[in-house]
PDB file of N, CA and C in Angstrom:
ATOM      1  N   MET A   1     -13.812   1.171   6.765  1.00  0.00           N
ATOM      2  CA  MET A   1     -13.108   2.372   7.148  1.00  0.00           C
ATOM      3  C   MET A   1     -12.508   2.155   8.517  1.00  0.00           C
ATOM      4  N   ILE A   2     -11.362   2.687   8.719  1.00  0.00           N
ATOM      5  CA  ILE A   2     -10.630   2.494   9.963  1.00  0.00           C
ATOM      6  C   ILE A   2     -11.348   3.178  11.116  1.00  0.00           C
ATOM      7  N   GLY A   3     -11.675   2.410  12.135  1.00  0.00           N
ATOM      8  CA  GLY A   3     -12.230   2.945  13.371  1.00  0.00           C
ATOM      9  C   GLY A   3     -13.635   3.521  13.269  1.00  0.00           C
ATOM     10  N   GLU A   4     -14.394   3.179  12.259  1.00  0.00           N
ATOM     11  CA  GLU A   4     -15.739   3.716  12.096  1.00  0.00           C
ATOM     12  C   GLU A   4     -16.772   2.592  12.183  1.00  0.00           C
ATOM     13  N   ALA A   5     -17.954   2.948  12.649  1.00  0.00           N
ATOM     14  CA  ALA A   5     -19.052   1.987  12.688  1.00  0.00           C
ATOM     15  C   ALA A   5     -19.488   1.676  11.264  1.00  0.00           C
ATOM     16  N   SER A   6     -20.078   0.509  11.071  1.00  0.00           N
ATOM     17  CA  SER A   6     -20.495   0.136   9.715  1.00  0.00           C
ATOM     18  C   SER A   6     -21.526   1.110   9.162  1.00  0.00           C
ATOM     19  N   SER A   7     -22.378   1.678  10.025  1.00  0.00           N
ATOM     20  CA  SER A   7     -23.369   2.648   9.538  1.00  0.00           C
ATOM     21  C   SER A   7     -22.687   3.908   9.023  1.00  0.00           C
ATOM     22  N   THR A   8     -21.596   4.310   9.672  1.00  0.00           N
ATOM     23  CA  THR A   8     -20.837   5.479   9.226  1.00  0.00           C
ATOM     24  C   THR A   8     -20.184   5.194   7.884  1.00  0.00           C
ATOM     25  N   ALA A   9     -19.610   4.009   7.755  1.00  0.00           N
ATOM     26  CA  ALA A   9     -18.966   3.632   6.497  1.00  0.00           C
ATOM     27  C   ALA A   9     -19.991   3.568   5.370  1.00  0.00           C
ATOM     28  N   THR A  10     -21.182   3.067   5.667  1.00  0.00           N
ATOM     29  CA  THR A  10     -22.238   2.994   4.660  1.00  0.00           C
ATOM     30  C   THR A  10     -22.660   4.392   4.218  1.00  0.00           C
ATOM     31  N   ALA A  11     -22.821   5.304   5.175  1.00  0.00           N
ATOM     32  CA  ALA A  11     -23.198   6.681   4.846  1.00  0.00           C
ATOM     33  C   ALA A  11     -22.106   7.356   4.021  1.00  0.00           C
ATOM     34  N   PHE A  12     -20.860   7.131   4.396  1.00  0.00           N
ATOM     35  CA  PHE A  12     -19.730   7.702   3.656  1.00  0.00           C
ATOM     36  C   PHE A  12     -19.725   7.175   2.229  1.00  0.00           C
ATOM     37  N   SER A  13     -19.939   5.887   2.092  1.00  0.00           N
ATOM     38  CA  SER A  13     -19.960   5.268   0.767  1.00  0.00           C
ATOM     39  C   SER A  13     -21.076   5.851  -0.094  1.00  0.00           C
ATOM     40  N   ALA A  14     -22.242   6.050   0.492  1.00  0.00           N
ATOM     41  CA  ALA A  14     -23.366   6.619  -0.260  1.00  0.00           C
ATOM     42  C   ALA A  14     -23.067   8.047  -0.696  1.00  0.00           C
ATOM     43  N   ALA A  15     -22.393   8.805   0.175  1.00  0.00           N
ATOM     44  CA  ALA A  15     -22.085  10.199  -0.140  1.00  0.00           C
ATOM     45  C   ALA A  15     -20.982  10.331  -1.175  1.00  0.00           C
ATOM     46  N   THR A  16     -20.027   9.428  -1.143  1.00  0.00           N
ATOM     47  CA  THR A  16     -18.879   9.540  -2.047  1.00  0.00           C
ATOM     48  C   THR A  16     -19.025   8.715  -3.310  1.00  0.00           C
ATOM     49  N   GLY A  17     -19.953   7.773  -3.314  1.00  0.00           N
ATOM     50  CA  GLY A  17     -20.134   6.894  -4.467  1.00  0.00           C
ATOM     51  C   GLY A  17     -20.231   7.608  -5.803  1.00  0.00           C
ATOM     52  N   PRO A  18     -21.070   8.648  -5.905  1.00  0.00           N
ATOM     53  CA  PRO A  18     -21.166   9.353  -7.187  1.00  0.00           C
ATOM     54  C   PRO A  18     -19.841   9.975  -7.634  1.00  0.00           C
ATOM     55  N   HIS A  19     -19.045  10.473  -6.678  1.00  0.00           N
ATOM     56  CA  HIS A  19     -17.743  11.056  -7.021  1.00  0.00           C
ATOM     57  C   HIS A  19     -16.797   9.988  -7.554  1.00  0.00           C
ATOM     58  N   VAL A  20     -16.827   8.828  -6.898  1.00  0.00           N
ATOM     59  CA  VAL A  20     -15.969   7.729  -7.339  1.00  0.00           C
ATOM     60  C   VAL A  20     -16.404   7.261  -8.721  1.00  0.00           C
ATOM     61  N   ALA A  21     -17.704   7.104  -8.897  1.00  0.00           N
ATOM     62  CA  ALA A  21     -18.220   6.649 -10.185  1.00  0.00           C
ATOM     63  C   ALA A  21     -17.879   7.635 -11.300  1.00  0.00           C
ATOM     64  N   ALA A  22     -17.902   8.924 -10.977  1.00  0.00           N
ATOM     65  CA  ALA A  22     -17.597   9.949 -11.975  1.00  0.00           C
ATOM     66  C   ALA A  22     -16.091  10.116 -12.156  1.00  0.00           C
ATOM     67  N   ARG A  23     -15.314   9.459 -11.294  1.00  0.00           N
ATOM     68  CA  ARG A  23     -13.858   9.515 -11.329  1.00  0.00           C
ATOM     69  C   ARG A  23     -13.344  10.946 -11.202  1.00  0.00           C
ATOM     70  N   ARG A  24     -14.038  11.730 -10.417  1.00  0.00           N
ATOM     71  CA  ARG A  24     -13.551  13.083 -10.167  1.00  0.00           C
ATOM     72  C   ARG A  24     -13.235  13.201  -8.683  1.00  0.00           C
ATOM     73  N   PRO A  25     -12.096  13.719  -8.350  1.00  0.00           N
ATOM     74  CA  PRO A  25     -11.714  13.830  -6.940  1.00  0.00           C
ATOM     75  C   PRO A  25     -12.521  14.907  -6.220  1.00  0.00           C
ATOM     76  N   ARG A  26     -12.736  14.693  -4.942  1.00  0.00           N
ATOM     77  CA  ARG A  26     -13.437  15.695  -4.131  1.00  0.00           C
ATOM     78  C   ARG A  26     -12.512  16.847  -3.794  1.00  0.00           C
ATOM     79  N   VAL A  27     -11.233  16.579  -3.730  1.00  0.00           N
ATOM     80  CA  VAL A  27     -10.233  17.626  -3.482  1.00  0.00           C
ATOM     81  C   VAL A  27      -9.115  17.451  -4.495  1.00  0.00           C
ATOM     82  N   GLN A  28      -8.462  18.526  -4.804  1.00  0.00           N
ATOM     83  CA  GLN A  28      -7.336  18.459  -5.727  1.00  0.00           C
ATOM     84  C   GLN A  28      -6.059  18.215  -4.930  1.00  0.00           C
ATOM     85  N   VAL A  29      -5.332  17.202  -5.290  1.00  0.00           N
ATOM     86  CA  VAL A  29      -4.067  16.872  -4.634  1.00  0.00           C
ATOM     87  C   VAL A  29      -3.025  16.733  -5.733  1.00  0.00           C
ATOM     88  N   SER A  30      -1.905  17.400  -5.532  1.00  0.00           N
ATOM     89  CA  SER A  30      -0.862  17.344  -6.556  1.00  0.00           C
ATOM     90  C   SER A  30      -0.248  15.953  -6.624  1.00  0.00           C
ATOM     91  N   ARG A  31       0.335  15.659  -7.751  1.00  0.00           N
ATOM     92  CA  ARG A  31       1.018  14.370  -7.931  1.00  0.00           C
ATOM     93  C   ARG A  31       2.116  14.224  -6.883  1.00  0.00           C
ATOM     94  N   ALA A  32       2.835  15.295  -6.591  1.00  0.00           N
ATOM     95  CA  ALA A  32       3.911  15.254  -5.592  1.00  0.00           C
ATOM     96  C   ALA A  32       3.364  14.879  -4.214  1.00  0.00           C
ATOM     97  N   GLU A  33       2.192  15.427  -3.855  1.00  0.00           N
ATOM     98  CA  GLU A  33       1.579  15.085  -2.568  1.00  0.00           C
ATOM     99  C   GLU A  33       1.152  13.620  -2.539  1.00  0.00           C
ATOM    100  N   GLN A  34       0.609  13.132  -3.639  1.00  0.00           N
ATOM    101  CA  GLN A  34       0.212  11.729  -3.717  1.00  0.00           C
ATOM    102  C   GLN A  34       1.417  10.820  -3.524  1.00  0.00           C
ATOM    103  N   VAL A  35       2.493  11.125  -4.220  1.00  0.00           N
ATOM    104  CA  VAL A  35       3.715  10.321  -4.131  1.00  0.00           C
ATOM    105  C   VAL A  35       4.264  10.352  -2.711  1.00  0.00           C
ATOM    106  N   ALA A  36       4.251  11.522  -2.077  1.00  0.00           N
ATOM    107  CA  ALA A  36       4.779  11.649  -0.717  1.00  0.00           C
ATOM    108  C   ALA A  36       3.999  10.776   0.262  1.00  0.00           C
ATOM    109  N   VAL A  37       2.677  10.762   0.144  1.00  0.00           N
ATOM    110  CA  VAL A  37       1.851   9.953   1.044  1.00  0.00           C
ATOM    111  C   VAL A  37       2.125   8.468   0.840  1.00  0.00           C
ATOM    112  N   VAL A  38       2.181   8.036  -0.407  1.00  0.00           N
ATOM    113  CA  VAL A  38       2.440   6.620  -0.692  1.00  0.00           C
ATOM    114  C   VAL A  38       3.829   6.226  -0.212  1.00  0.00           C
ATOM    115  N   GLU A  39       4.824   7.079  -0.417  1.00  0.00           N
ATOM    116  CA  GLU A  39       6.181   6.767   0.042  1.00  0.00           C
ATOM    117  C   GLU A  39       6.243   6.652   1.559  1.00  0.00           C
ATOM    118  N   ARG A  40       5.529   7.532   2.278  1.00  0.00           N
ATOM    119  CA  ARG A  40       5.513   7.443   3.749  1.00  0.00           C
ATOM    120  C   ARG A  40       4.861   6.143   4.195  1.00  0.00           C
ATOM    121  N   LEU A  41       3.763   5.776   3.556  1.00  0.00           N
ATOM    122  CA  LEU A  41       3.082   4.531   3.908  1.00  0.00           C
ATOM    123  C   LEU A  41       3.988   3.335   3.659  1.00  0.00           C
ATOM    124  N   LEU A  42       4.625   3.292   2.493  1.00  0.00           N
ATOM    125  CA  LEU A  42       5.511   2.173   2.171  1.00  0.00           C
ATOM    126  C   LEU A  42       6.704   2.112   3.115  1.00  0.00           C
ATOM    127  N   ALA A  43       7.247   3.263   3.490  1.00  0.00           N
ATOM    128  CA  ALA A  43       8.376   3.285   4.424  1.00  0.00           C
ATOM    129  C   ALA A  43       7.951   2.764   5.793  1.00  0.00           C
ATOM    130  N   THR A  44       6.752   3.137   6.218  1.00  0.00           N
ATOM    131  CA  THR A  44       6.252   2.683   7.515  1.00  0.00           C
ATOM    132  C   THR A  44       6.040   1.180   7.519  1.00  0.00           C
ATOM    133  N   VAL A  45       5.332   0.693   6.536  1.00  0.00           N
ATOM    134  CA  VAL A  45       5.034  -0.737   6.470  1.00  0.00           C
ATOM    135  C   VAL A  45       6.291  -1.536   6.160  1.00  0.00           C
ATOM    136  N   GLY A  46       7.049  -1.114   5.165  1.00  0.00           N
ATOM    137  CA  GLY A  46       8.254  -1.835   4.761  1.00  0.00           C
ATOM    138  C   GLY A  46       9.329  -1.840   5.818  1.00  0.00           C
ATOM    139  N   GLY A  47       9.363  -0.806   6.650  1.00  0.00           N
ATOM    140  CA  GLY A  47      10.364  -0.722   7.704  1.00  0.00           C
ATOM    141  C   GLY A  47       9.958  -1.461   8.960  1.00  0.00           C
ATOM    142  N   GLY A  48       8.796  -2.088   8.936  1.00  0.00           N
ATOM    143  CA  GLY A  48       8.346  -2.842  10.094  1.00  0.00           C
ATOM    144  C   GLY A  48       7.811  -1.967  11.211  1.00  0.00           C
ATOM    145  N   HIS A  49       7.584  -0.691  10.951  1.00  0.00           N
ATOM    146  CA  HIS A  49       7.051   0.212  11.968  1.00  0.00           C
ATOM    147  C   HIS A  49       5.536   0.089  11.957  1.00  0.00           C
ATOM    148  N   LEU A  50       5.056  -0.908  12.610  1.00  0.00           N
ATOM    149  CA  LEU A  50       3.637  -1.201  12.514  1.00  0.00           C
ATOM    150  C   LEU A  50       2.801  -0.471  13.542  1.00  0.00           C
ATOM    151  N   GLY A  51       3.175   0.772  13.850  1.00  0.00           N
ATOM    152  CA  GLY A  51       2.298   1.625  14.626  1.00  0.00           C
ATOM    153  C   GLY A  51       0.995   1.803  13.862  1.00  0.00           C
ATOM    154  N   LEU A  52       1.044   1.432  12.590  1.00  0.00           N
ATOM    155  CA  LEU A  52      -0.130   1.470  11.737  1.00  0.00           C
ATOM    156  C   LEU A  52      -1.237   0.611  12.344  1.00  0.00           C
ATOM    157  N   VAL A  53      -0.870  -0.434  13.045  1.00  0.00           N
ATOM    158  CA  VAL A  53      -1.850  -1.316  13.681  1.00  0.00           C
ATOM    159  C   VAL A  53      -2.702  -0.527  14.668  1.00  0.00           C
ATOM    160  N   ASP A  54      -2.110   0.488  15.287  1.00  0.00           N
ATOM    161  CA  ASP A  54      -2.838   1.278  16.274  1.00  0.00           C
ATOM    162  C   ASP A  54      -4.007   2.048  15.675  1.00  0.00           C
ATOM    163  N   VAL A  55      -3.975   2.302  14.373  1.00  0.00           N
ATOM    164  CA  VAL A  55      -5.075   3.043  13.766  1.00  0.00           C
ATOM    165  C   VAL A  55      -6.129   2.130  13.155  1.00  0.00           C
ATOM    166  N   LEU A  56      -5.892   0.838  13.168  1.00  0.00           N
ATOM    167  CA  LEU A  56      -6.896  -0.097  12.670  1.00  0.00           C
ATOM    168  C   LEU A  56      -8.001  -0.259  13.705  1.00  0.00           C
ATOM    169  N   ALA A  57      -9.217  -0.403  13.244  1.00  0.00           N
ATOM    170  CA  ALA A  57     -10.307  -0.716  14.161  1.00  0.00           C
ATOM    171  C   ALA A  57     -10.022  -2.081  14.780  1.00  0.00           C
ATOM    172  N   ARG A  58     -10.331  -2.251  16.060  1.00  0.00           N
ATOM    173  CA  ARG A  58     -10.056  -3.532  16.727  1.00  0.00           C
ATOM    174  C   ARG A  58     -10.741  -4.694  16.026  1.00  0.00           C
ATOM    175  N   ASP A  59     -11.909  -4.423  15.428  1.00  0.00           N
ATOM    176  CA  ASP A  59     -12.666  -5.496  14.783  1.00  0.00           C
ATOM    177  C   ASP A  59     -12.497  -5.505  13.259  1.00  0.00           C
ATOM    178  N   VAL A  60     -11.380  -4.963  12.781  1.00  0.00           N
ATOM    179  CA  VAL A  60     -11.110  -4.933  11.341  1.00  0.00           C
ATOM    180  C   VAL A  60     -11.128  -6.346  10.765  1.00  0.00           C
ATOM    181  N   ILE A  61     -11.570  -6.462   9.536  1.00  0.00           N
ATOM    182  CA  ILE A  61     -11.581  -7.750   8.837  1.00  0.00           C
ATOM    183  C   ILE A  61     -10.872  -7.562   7.503  1.00  0.00           C
ATOM    184  N   ALA A  62      -9.875  -8.399   7.243  1.00  0.00           N
ATOM    185  CA  ALA A  62      -9.145  -8.355   5.975  1.00  0.00           C
ATOM    186  C   ALA A  62      -9.612  -9.505   5.098  1.00  0.00           C
ATOM    187  N   VAL A  63      -9.976  -9.174   3.882  1.00  0.00           N
ATOM    188  CA  VAL A  63     -10.376 -10.173   2.901  1.00  0.00           C
ATOM    189  C   VAL A  63      -9.393 -10.051   1.753  1.00  0.00           C
ATOM    190  N   SER A  64      -8.798 -11.163   1.349  1.00  0.00           N
ATOM    191  CA  SER A  64      -7.797 -11.090   0.283  1.00  0.00           C
ATOM    192  C   SER A  64      -8.157 -12.008  -0.867  1.00  0.00           C
ATOM    193  N   ASP A  65      -7.636 -11.633  -2.023  1.00  0.00           N
ATOM    194  CA  ASP A  65      -7.851 -12.418  -3.233  1.00  0.00           C
ATOM    195  C   ASP A  65      -6.589 -12.306  -4.064  1.00  0.00           C
ATOM    196  N   GLY A  66      -5.905 -13.384  -4.226  1.00  0.00           N
ATOM    197  CA  GLY A  66      -4.654 -13.371  -4.981  1.00  0.00           C
ATOM    198  C   GLY A  66      -4.856 -13.430  -6.476  1.00  0.00           C
ATOM    199  N   GLY A  67      -6.096 -13.520  -6.911  1.00  0.00           N
ATOM    200  CA  GLY A  67      -6.381 -13.544  -8.334  1.00  0.00           C
ATOM    201  C   GLY A  67      -5.704 -14.684  -9.068  1.00  0.00           C
ATOM    202  N   SER A  68      -5.507 -15.796  -8.380  1.00  0.00           N
ATOM    203  CA  SER A  68      -4.820 -16.970  -8.943  1.00  0.00           C
ATOM    204  C   SER A  68      -3.378 -16.683  -9.327  1.00  0.00           C
ATOM    205  N   ILE A  69      -2.847 -15.559  -8.836  1.00  0.00           N
ATOM    206  CA  ILE A  69      -1.466 -15.187  -9.155  1.00  0.00           C
ATOM    207  C   ILE A  69      -0.566 -15.380  -7.943  1.00  0.00           C
ATOM    208  N   VAL A  70      -1.048 -14.959  -6.779  1.00  0.00           N
ATOM    209  CA  VAL A  70      -0.273 -15.104  -5.546  1.00  0.00           C
ATOM    210  C   VAL A  70      -1.149 -15.763  -4.492  1.00  0.00           C
ATOM    211  N   ALA A  71      -0.506 -16.295  -3.467  1.00  0.00           N
ATOM    212  CA  ALA A  71      -1.238 -16.929  -2.377  1.00  0.00           C
ATOM    213  C   ALA A  71      -2.049 -15.883  -1.615  1.00  0.00           C
ATOM    214  N   ALA A  72      -3.204 -16.276  -1.148  1.00  0.00           N
ATOM    215  CA  ALA A  72      -4.058 -15.383  -0.374  1.00  0.00           C
ATOM    216  C   ALA A  72      -4.747 -16.202   0.703  1.00  0.00           C
ATOM    217  N   ALA A  73      -5.183 -15.511   1.753  1.00  0.00           N
ATOM    218  CA  ALA A  73      -5.897 -16.186   2.829  1.00  0.00           C
ATOM    219  C   ALA A  73      -7.191 -16.766   2.271  1.00  0.00           C
ATOM    220  N   GLY A  74      -7.509 -17.970   2.670  1.00  0.00           N
ATOM    221  CA  GLY A  74      -8.715 -18.626   2.183  1.00  0.00           C
ATOM    222  C   GLY A  74      -9.983 -18.138   2.840  1.00  0.00           C
ATOM    223  N   ARG A  75      -9.835 -17.466   3.967  1.00  0.00           N
ATOM    224  CA  ARG A  75     -11.002 -16.943   4.672  1.00  0.00           C
ATOM    225  C   ARG A  75     -10.633 -15.601   5.291  1.00  0.00           C
ATOM    226  N   PRO A  76     -11.607 -14.806   5.675  1.00  0.00           N
ATOM    227  CA  PRO A  76     -11.320 -13.487   6.246  1.00  0.00           C
ATOM    228  C   PRO A  76     -10.459 -13.585   7.508  1.00  0.00           C
ATOM    229  N   ILE A  77      -9.571 -12.619   7.685  1.00  0.00           N
ATOM    230  CA  ILE A  77      -8.725 -12.514   8.873  1.00  0.00           C
ATOM    231  C   ILE A  77      -9.344 -11.429   9.746  1.00  0.00           C
ATOM    232  N   GLU A  78      -9.620 -11.749  11.005  1.00  0.00           N
ATOM    233  CA  GLU A  78     -10.324 -10.819  11.883  1.00  0.00           C
ATOM    234  C   GLU A  78      -9.447 -10.326  13.019  1.00  0.00           C
ATOM    235  N   GLY A  79      -9.571  -9.038  13.343  1.00  0.00           N
ATOM    236  CA  GLY A  79      -8.891  -8.429  14.472  1.00  0.00           C
ATOM    237  C   GLY A  79      -7.608  -7.712  14.090  1.00  0.00           C
ATOM    238  N   ALA A  80      -7.410  -6.527  14.680  1.00  0.00           N
ATOM    239  CA  ALA A  80      -6.235  -5.703  14.375  1.00  0.00           C
ATOM    240  C   ALA A  80      -4.936  -6.432  14.675  1.00  0.00           C
ATOM    241  N   ASP A  81      -4.916  -7.239  15.741  1.00  0.00           N
ATOM    242  CA  ASP A  81      -3.684  -7.941  16.105  1.00  0.00           C
ATOM    243  C   ASP A  81      -3.301  -9.001  15.076  1.00  0.00           C
ATOM    244  N   ARG A  82      -4.261  -9.494  14.311  1.00  0.00           N
ATOM    245  CA  ARG A  82      -3.967 -10.495  13.271  1.00  0.00           C
ATOM    246  C   ARG A  82      -3.810  -9.855  11.895  1.00  0.00           C
ATOM    247  N   VAL A  83      -4.549  -8.780  11.631  1.00  0.00           N
ATOM    248  CA  VAL A  83      -4.466  -8.106  10.335  1.00  0.00           C
ATOM    249  C   VAL A  83      -3.195  -7.269  10.241  1.00  0.00           C
ATOM    250  N   GLY A  84      -2.830  -6.585  11.316  1.00  0.00           N
ATOM    251  CA  GLY A  84      -1.659  -5.701  11.307  1.00  0.00           C
ATOM    252  C   GLY A  84      -0.400  -6.337  10.761  1.00  0.00           C
ATOM    253  N   PRO A  85      -0.007  -7.504  11.250  1.00  0.00           N
ATOM    254  CA  PRO A  85       1.210  -8.132  10.738  1.00  0.00           C
ATOM    255  C   PRO A  85       1.158  -8.467   9.248  1.00  0.00           C
ATOM    256  N   LEU A  86      -0.034  -8.606   8.697  1.00  0.00           N
ATOM    257  CA  LEU A  86      -0.151  -8.874   7.260  1.00  0.00           C
ATOM    258  C   LEU A  86       0.275  -7.669   6.424  1.00  0.00           C
ATOM    259  N   LEU A  87       0.262  -6.490   7.035  1.00  0.00           N
ATOM    260  CA  LEU A  87       0.607  -5.269   6.315  1.00  0.00           C
ATOM    261  C   LEU A  87       2.102  -5.044   6.236  1.00  0.00           C
ATOM    262  N   GLY A  88       2.863  -5.801   7.017  1.00  0.00           N
ATOM    263  CA  GLY A  88       4.317  -5.615   7.063  1.00  0.00           C
ATOM    264  C   GLY A  88       5.051  -6.531   6.118  1.00  0.00           C
ATOM    265  N   PRO A  89       6.391  -6.425   6.169  1.00  0.00           N
ATOM    266  CA  PRO A  89       7.225  -7.245   5.281  1.00  0.00           C
ATOM    267  C   PRO A  89       7.136  -8.720   5.606  1.00  0.00           C
TER     268      PRO A  89
END
């Protein structure tokens, strides 16, 4: 989770796990709202506006798996300054 301690992320995961497993949302969000959020994210990242890096935890770790379809990093990438550029074009 962005900017949270691992203990906080673990507690969040424990609290939300049953909801995820049951595939029921905790809040109702319209399809239009979902599309709007995804479009804003894609516009930000695709446009190179990586202010998004500012919301990443400084010690963020990115782990990727290309599933034998696309190239992926062979080992975890650590730090917001290194992970942030991976989110852009």
